[in-house]
Every structure is written in structure tokens, then in C-alpha cells.
């Protein structure tokens, strides 16, 4: 039987303020995605400036955090948060939902597209390739909570999937310099 090491969820503490591994992985994911986005924006013919990538990333980060937290409150513990609404803001107690985060990112992408007067499809496509970095960064803290004896195959599949998505999106984004990929070009128009 494999014994999974138990370690503190806090990476480090400064007084009463603790920085958790999961929060660090969010930071690494956002920073990695931002870095790749800026790198891609600097390519000739990209149609994006580095500042626009920074702005889009701010909307995505807000969407992940707000959507993830609200999704957790609505999908997983609705009755508790209805009777304790102020605890919705207690993010340090934990509780984020992938589903809520996904909806939050969609809202952030839509809002950024509307404000920047770009196609929502083009903005989503620009944001989507960085998803692999964020997904890969989030795997280690999620996997450490699993018991490897019971869930080793699940953990390995999740880990491998993150690597695959990162590889796939990175190749698609970085191996085609100067080419603008848009969903409008890939989807044929149907005429009546």
C-alpha cells in the first residue's frame, strides 16, 4: 500500500496570514498564462498589444475568482450561504468551483470583448490557449489531497491531461507565427 505524504496546505505564513499552495498555483498559472499571452502578442501580425493581454488577463482573473467562489456557494453549499451571506466573502476559508470559475471566465471574456470592441470568439480564442498552463499549475495541489492508494489512477489521469492540454494549446499558439486563428474562418457559413 502506498502512503501519501501529509503536509501542510500552507506554503508559508507571516503572522496570522498564511499563503496556501493552491493559491500559489493560481498565481503561477495566471503568471504563466500572462507570460505566454504577452509573448504571443509580440509576434508580428498578432493584432494584439501586450497591454491588451494584461487587461484581458485582469478580466479573466476577476472572472475566475468571483465566478469560482460564487459557483461554490451556489452549487455546493447553497443553504449555508443563504443563511450566512457574509461568509461568501470569506475566501480564506476555502471553496472554489471549477464550474463557477468557467462561467466567470466566460463572463470576463465577454465583458473584455465588449469593452475592447473585439469579437468575443477572437478574445476567447486568445484566452483559451493559455488554459493549459493554468490547468497544469492547478494539478499538484489538487492531487496531493487524493489518497494515492485509492485514487492513483485518477490523479495520474488528471496530471497527464494537464500536460497534454498545455502541449496542445502551446503548439497551436506558438508553432504558427503570424497566423490569426479565428472561429469564423474554421466554421463554414451556411447559406439558405
C-alpha atoms as a PDB file:
ATOM      1  CA  UNK A   1       0.000   0.000   0.000  1.00  0.00           C
ATOM      2  CA  UNK A   2       1.294   3.432  -0.943  1.00  0.00           C
ATOM      3  CA  UNK A   3       1.370   6.026   1.786  1.00  0.00           C
ATOM      4  CA  UNK A   4       0.897   9.570   0.557  1.00  0.00           C
ATOM      5  CA  UNK A   5       2.906  12.150   2.498  1.00  0.00           C
ATOM      6  CA  UNK A   6       0.863  14.536   4.588  1.00  0.00           C
ATOM      7  CA  UNK A   7       1.974  18.132   4.536  1.00  0.00           C
ATOM      8  CA  UNK A   8       0.537  21.473   5.455  1.00  0.00           C
ATOM      9  CA  UNK A   9      -1.751  23.172   2.927  1.00  0.00           C
ATOM     10  CA  UNK A  10       0.048  26.433   3.804  1.00  0.00           C
ATOM     11  CA  UNK A  11       3.246  27.072   1.866  1.00  0.00           C
ATOM     12  CA  UNK A  12       4.336  29.710   4.385  1.00  0.00           C
ATOM     13  CA  UNK A  13       2.905  32.077   6.988  1.00  0.00           C
ATOM     14  CA  UNK A  14       3.619  35.640   8.009  1.00  0.00           C
ATOM     15  CA  UNK A  15       1.988  36.080  11.381  1.00  0.00           C
ATOM     16  CA  UNK A  16      -1.676  35.118  11.014  1.00  0.00           C
ATOM     17  CA  UNK A  17      -1.522  35.439   7.225  1.00  0.00           C
ATOM     18  CA  UNK A  18      -0.956  32.074   5.520  1.00  0.00           C
ATOM     19  CA  UNK A  19      -0.198  31.596   1.833  1.00  0.00           C
ATOM     20  CA  UNK A  20      -1.605  28.260   0.676  1.00  0.00           C
ATOM     21  CA  UNK A  21      -0.165  26.029  -2.010  1.00  0.00           C
ATOM     22  CA  UNK A  22      -3.382  26.184  -4.001  1.00  0.00           C
ATOM     23  CA  UNK A  23      -3.236  29.995  -4.056  1.00  0.00           C
ATOM     24  CA  UNK A  24       0.373  29.851  -5.223  1.00  0.00           C
ATOM     25  CA  UNK A  25      -0.648  27.522  -8.034  1.00  0.00           C
ATOM     26  CA  UNK A  26      -3.329  30.004  -9.126  1.00  0.00           C
ATOM     27  CA  UNK A  27      -0.642  32.702  -9.145  1.00  0.00           C
ATOM     28  CA  UNK A  28       1.772  30.533 -11.144  1.00  0.00           C
ATOM     29  CA  UNK A  29      -0.984  29.621 -13.602  1.00  0.00           C
ATOM     30  CA  UNK A  30      -2.037  33.232 -14.133  1.00  0.00           C
ATOM     31  CA  UNK A  31       1.576  34.423 -14.435  1.00  0.00           C
ATOM     32  CA  UNK A  32       2.457  31.653 -16.893  1.00  0.00           C
ATOM     33  CA  UNK A  33      -0.638  32.303 -18.976  1.00  0.00           C
ATOM     34  CA  UNK A  34       0.044  36.040 -18.953  1.00  0.00           C
ATOM     35  CA  UNK A  35       3.661  35.487 -19.986  1.00  0.00           C
ATOM     36  CA  UNK A  36       2.677  33.264 -22.911  1.00  0.00           C
ATOM     37  CA  UNK A  37      -0.040  35.737 -23.909  1.00  0.00           C
ATOM     38  CA  UNK A  38       2.388  38.664 -23.945  1.00  0.00           C
ATOM     39  CA  UNK A  39       4.915  36.562 -25.886  1.00  0.00           C
ATOM     40  CA  UNK A  40       2.261  35.720 -28.466  1.00  0.00           C
ATOM     41  CA  UNK A  41       1.104  39.352 -28.680  1.00  0.00           C
ATOM     42  CA  UNK A  42       4.641  40.491 -29.532  1.00  0.00           C
ATOM     43  CA  UNK A  43       4.717  38.343 -32.654  1.00  0.00           C
ATOM     44  CA  UNK A  44       4.370  40.289 -35.892  1.00  0.00           C
ATOM     45  CA  UNK A  45       0.808  40.393 -37.179  1.00  0.00           C
ATOM     46  CA  UNK A  46      -0.775  39.215 -33.937  1.00  0.00           C
ATOM     47  CA  UNK A  47      -3.156  42.183 -33.817  1.00  0.00           C
ATOM     48  CA  UNK A  48      -2.666  42.481 -30.049  1.00  0.00           C
ATOM     49  CA  UNK A  49      -0.525  44.692 -27.845  1.00  0.00           C
ATOM     50  CA  UNK A  50       0.999  43.492 -24.579  1.00  0.00           C
ATOM     51  CA  UNK A  51      -1.159  45.965 -22.615  1.00  0.00           C
ATOM     52  CA  UNK A  52      -4.312  44.425 -24.088  1.00  0.00           C
ATOM     53  CA  UNK A  53      -3.178  40.990 -22.887  1.00  0.00           C
ATOM     54  CA  UNK A  54      -2.629  42.426 -19.390  1.00  0.00           C
ATOM     55  CA  UNK A  55      -6.122  43.958 -19.464  1.00  0.00           C
ATOM     56  CA  UNK A  56      -7.736  40.748 -20.700  1.00  0.00           C
ATOM     57  CA  UNK A  57      -5.910  38.777 -18.009  1.00  0.00           C
ATOM     58  CA  UNK A  58      -7.290  41.109 -15.317  1.00  0.00           C
ATOM     59  CA  UNK A  59     -10.840  40.362 -16.507  1.00  0.00           C
ATOM     60  CA  UNK A  60     -10.106  36.625 -16.583  1.00  0.00           C
ATOM     61  CA  UNK A  61      -8.600  36.636 -13.085  1.00  0.00           C
ATOM     62  CA  UNK A  62     -11.627  38.517 -11.741  1.00  0.00           C
ATOM     63  CA  UNK A  63     -13.897  36.036 -13.514  1.00  0.00           C
ATOM     64  CA  UNK A  64     -12.072  33.010 -12.088  1.00  0.00           C
ATOM     65  CA  UNK A  65     -12.120  34.325  -8.529  1.00  0.00           C
ATOM     66  CA  UNK A  66     -15.639  35.777  -8.456  1.00  0.00           C
ATOM     67  CA  UNK A  67     -17.182  33.004 -10.548  1.00  0.00           C
ATOM     68  CA  UNK A  68     -15.316  30.238  -8.725  1.00  0.00           C
ATOM     69  CA  UNK A  69     -16.381  31.499  -5.325  1.00  0.00           C
ATOM     70  CA  UNK A  70     -19.996  32.199  -6.277  1.00  0.00           C
ATOM     71  CA  UNK A  71     -20.180  28.850  -8.046  1.00  0.00           C
ATOM     72  CA  UNK A  72     -19.003  27.075  -4.914  1.00  0.00           C
ATOM     73  CA  UNK A  73     -21.556  28.932  -2.805  1.00  0.00           C
ATOM     74  CA  UNK A  74     -24.411  28.211  -5.233  1.00  0.00           C
ATOM     75  CA  UNK A  75     -23.585  24.661  -6.342  1.00  0.00           C
ATOM     76  CA  UNK A  76     -22.113  23.070  -3.237  1.00  0.00           C
ATOM     77  CA  UNK A  77     -23.390  24.769  -0.094  1.00  0.00           C
ATOM     78  CA  UNK A  78     -26.293  26.972  -1.104  1.00  0.00           C
ATOM     79  CA  UNK A  79     -28.351  26.569   2.096  1.00  0.00           C
ATOM     80  CA  UNK A  80     -25.406  27.557   4.310  1.00  0.00           C
ATOM     81  CA  UNK A  81     -24.562  30.703   2.345  1.00  0.00           C
ATOM     82  CA  UNK A  82     -28.202  31.807   2.157  1.00  0.00           C
ATOM     83  CA  UNK A  83     -28.321  31.800   5.949  1.00  0.00           C
ATOM     84  CA  UNK A  84     -24.739  33.216   6.279  1.00  0.00           C
ATOM     85  CA  UNK A  85     -24.373  35.570   3.269  1.00  0.00           C
ATOM     86  CA  UNK A  86     -21.350  37.473   4.615  1.00  0.00           C
ATOM     87  CA  UNK A  87     -19.326  34.241   4.560  1.00  0.00           C
ATOM     88  CA  UNK A  88     -19.439  34.348   0.758  1.00  0.00           C
ATOM     89  CA  UNK A  89     -16.582  36.848   1.094  1.00  0.00           C
ATOM     90  CA  UNK A  90     -14.507  34.627   3.436  1.00  0.00           C
ATOM     91  CA  UNK A  91     -12.366  33.203   0.638  1.00  0.00           C
ATOM     92  CA  UNK A  92      -9.574  32.325   3.062  1.00  0.00           C
ATOM     93  CA  UNK A  93     -11.823  29.558   4.410  1.00  0.00           C
ATOM     94  CA  UNK A  94     -11.620  27.821   1.025  1.00  0.00           C
ATOM     95  CA  UNK A  95     -14.184  26.885  -1.549  1.00  0.00           C
ATOM     96  CA  UNK A  96     -13.849  27.434  -5.287  1.00  0.00           C
ATOM     97  CA  UNK A  97     -15.822  25.732  -8.036  1.00  0.00           C
ATOM     98  CA  UNK A  98     -14.461  24.871 -11.462  1.00  0.00           C
ATOM     99  CA  UNK A  99     -17.925  25.291 -12.962  1.00  0.00           C
ATOM    100  CA  UNK A 100     -18.359  28.738 -11.446  1.00  0.00           C
ATOM    101  CA  UNK A 101     -14.846  29.713 -12.498  1.00  0.00           C
ATOM    102  CA  UNK A 102     -15.583  28.632 -16.065  1.00  0.00           C
ATOM    103  CA  UNK A 103     -18.742  30.747 -16.123  1.00  0.00           C
ATOM    104  CA  UNK A 104     -16.784  33.629 -14.591  1.00  0.00           C
ATOM    105  CA  UNK A 105     -14.097  33.383 -17.263  1.00  0.00           C
ATOM    106  CA  UNK A 106     -16.778  33.335 -19.968  1.00  0.00           C
ATOM    107  CA  UNK A 107     -18.298  36.490 -18.449  1.00  0.00           C
ATOM    108  CA  UNK A 108     -14.855  38.134 -18.195  1.00  0.00           C
ATOM    109  CA  UNK A 109     -14.030  37.289 -21.820  1.00  0.00           C
ATOM    110  CA  UNK A 110     -17.403  38.615 -22.992  1.00  0.00           C
ATOM    111  CA  UNK A 111     -17.027  41.822 -20.978  1.00  0.00           C
ATOM    112  CA  UNK A 112     -13.470  42.426 -22.193  1.00  0.00           C
ATOM    113  CA  UNK A 113     -14.551  41.782 -25.803  1.00  0.00           C
ATOM    114  CA  UNK A 114     -17.409  44.244 -25.444  1.00  0.00           C
ATOM    115  CA  UNK A 115     -15.251  46.968 -23.865  1.00  0.00           C
ATOM    116  CA  UNK A 116     -12.349  46.484 -26.299  1.00  0.00           C
ATOM    117  CA  UNK A 117     -14.711  46.227 -29.296  1.00  0.00           C
ATOM    118  CA  UNK A 118     -13.368  42.839 -30.345  1.00  0.00           C
ATOM    119  CA  UNK A 119     -15.153  39.676 -31.297  1.00  0.00           C
ATOM    120  CA  UNK A 120     -15.907  37.517 -28.247  1.00  0.00           C
ATOM    121  CA  UNK A 121     -14.769  34.486 -30.285  1.00  0.00           C
ATOM    122  CA  UNK A 122     -11.386  36.104 -31.025  1.00  0.00           C
ATOM    123  CA  UNK A 123     -10.902  37.041 -27.350  1.00  0.00           C
ATOM    124  CA  UNK A 124     -11.943  33.569 -26.177  1.00  0.00           C
ATOM    125  CA  UNK A 125      -9.543  32.005 -28.633  1.00  0.00           C
ATOM    126  CA  UNK A 126      -6.713  34.238 -27.391  1.00  0.00           C
ATOM    127  CA  UNK A 127      -7.523  33.256 -23.804  1.00  0.00           C
ATOM    128  CA  UNK A 128      -8.133  29.552 -24.447  1.00  0.00           C
ATOM    129  CA  UNK A 129      -4.609  28.550 -25.415  1.00  0.00           C
ATOM    130  CA  UNK A 130      -3.360  29.710 -22.004  1.00  0.00           C
ATOM    131  CA  UNK A 131      -5.835  27.408 -20.259  1.00  0.00           C
ATOM    132  CA  UNK A 132      -3.333  24.547 -20.385  1.00  0.00           C
ATOM    133  CA  UNK A 133      -0.823  26.495 -18.284  1.00  0.00           C
ATOM    134  CA  UNK A 134      -3.419  27.285 -15.642  1.00  0.00           C
ATOM    135  CA  UNK A 135      -4.779  23.741 -15.611  1.00  0.00           C
ATOM    136  CA  UNK A 136      -1.305  22.263 -15.307  1.00  0.00           C
ATOM    137  CA  UNK A 137      -0.362  24.597 -12.477  1.00  0.00           C
ATOM    138  CA  UNK A 138      -3.504  23.675 -10.544  1.00  0.00           C
ATOM    139  CA  UNK A 139      -2.939  19.906 -10.626  1.00  0.00           C
ATOM    140  CA  UNK A 140      -0.270  19.378  -7.920  1.00  0.00           C
ATOM    141  CA  UNK A 141      -2.251  20.846  -5.007  1.00  0.00           C
ATOM    142  CA  UNK A 142      -5.404  19.052  -6.121  1.00  0.00           C
ATOM    143  CA  UNK A 143      -3.568  15.744  -6.447  1.00  0.00           C
ATOM    144  CA  UNK A 144      -1.855  15.985  -3.057  1.00  0.00           C
ATOM    145  CA  UNK A 145      -5.274  15.790  -1.411  1.00  0.00           C
ATOM    146  CA  UNK A 146      -6.009  12.434  -3.045  1.00  0.00           C
ATOM    147  CA  UNK A 147      -5.037   9.183  -1.406  1.00  0.00           C
ATOM    148  CA  UNK A 148      -2.716   7.586  -3.936  1.00  0.00           C
ATOM    149  CA  UNK A 149      -3.620   4.123  -2.728  1.00  0.00           C
ATOM    150  CA  UNK A 150      -7.277   4.728  -3.619  1.00  0.00           C
ATOM    151  CA  UNK A 151      -7.073   7.319  -6.360  1.00  0.00           C
ATOM    152  CA  UNK A 152      -3.657   6.945  -8.006  1.00  0.00           C
ATOM    153  CA  UNK A 153      -5.117   6.312 -11.459  1.00  0.00           C
ATOM    154  CA  UNK A 154      -7.424   9.342 -11.172  1.00  0.00           C
ATOM    155  CA  UNK A 155      -4.538  11.532 -10.056  1.00  0.00           C
ATOM    156  CA  UNK A 156      -2.290  10.342 -12.871  1.00  0.00           C
ATOM    157  CA  UNK A 157      -5.006  10.865 -15.493  1.00  0.00           C
ATOM    158  CA  UNK A 158      -5.604  14.427 -14.244  1.00  0.00           C
ATOM    159  CA  UNK A 159      -1.876  15.124 -14.243  1.00  0.00           C
ATOM    160  CA  UNK A 160      -1.421  13.736 -17.751  1.00  0.00           C
ATOM    161  CA  UNK A 161      -4.433  15.615 -19.081  1.00  0.00           C
ATOM    162  CA  UNK A 162      -2.996  18.912 -17.858  1.00  0.00           C
ATOM    163  CA  UNK A 163       0.310  18.223 -19.606  1.00  0.00           C
ATOM    164  CA  UNK A 164      -1.486  17.226 -22.806  1.00  0.00           C
ATOM    165  CA  UNK A 165      -3.715  20.323 -22.874  1.00  0.00           C
ATOM    166  CA  UNK A 166      -0.712  22.569 -22.197  1.00  0.00           C
ATOM    167  CA  UNK A 167       1.264  20.915 -25.007  1.00  0.00           C
ATOM    168  CA  UNK A 168      -1.628  21.035 -27.462  1.00  0.00           C
ATOM    169  CA  UNK A 169      -2.519  24.696 -26.893  1.00  0.00           C
ATOM    170  CA  UNK A 170       1.121  25.793 -26.773  1.00  0.00           C
ATOM    171  CA  UNK A 171       1.874  24.140 -30.109  1.00  0.00           C
ATOM    172  CA  UNK A 172      -1.241  25.605 -31.696  1.00  0.00           C
ATOM    173  CA  UNK A 173      -0.389  29.081 -30.432  1.00  0.00           C
ATOM    174  CA  UNK A 174       3.375  29.174 -30.839  1.00  0.00           C
ATOM    175  CA  UNK A 175       4.004  26.944 -33.874  1.00  0.00           C
ATOM    176  CA  UNK A 176       2.024  29.134 -36.266  1.00  0.00           C
ATOM    177  CA  UNK A 177       3.738  32.524 -36.161  1.00  0.00           C
ATOM    178  CA  UNK A 178       1.798  35.387 -37.692  1.00  0.00           C
ATOM    179  CA  UNK A 179      -1.345  33.375 -38.395  1.00  0.00           C
ATOM    180  CA  UNK A 180      -4.549  34.676 -36.887  1.00  0.00           C
ATOM    181  CA  UNK A 181      -6.846  31.828 -35.953  1.00  0.00           C
ATOM    182  CA  UNK A 182     -10.486  32.736 -35.759  1.00  0.00           C
ATOM    183  CA  UNK A 183     -13.519  30.548 -35.326  1.00  0.00           C
ATOM    184  CA  UNK A 184     -15.217  32.459 -38.136  1.00  0.00           C
ATOM    185  CA  UNK A 185     -12.661  31.059 -40.608  1.00  0.00           C
ATOM    186  CA  UNK A 186     -12.933  27.494 -39.316  1.00  0.00           C
ATOM    187  CA  UNK A 187     -16.720  27.267 -39.285  1.00  0.00           C
ATOM    188  CA  UNK A 188     -18.262  27.269 -42.779  1.00  0.00           C
ATOM    189  CA  UNK A 189     -21.171  29.611 -43.311  1.00  0.00           C
ATOM    190  CA  UNK A 190     -24.465  28.005 -44.234  1.00  0.00           C
ATOM    191  CA  UNK A 191     -26.400  29.866 -46.894  1.00  0.00           C
ATOM    192  CA  UNK A 192     -30.142  29.387 -47.340  1.00  0.00           C
END
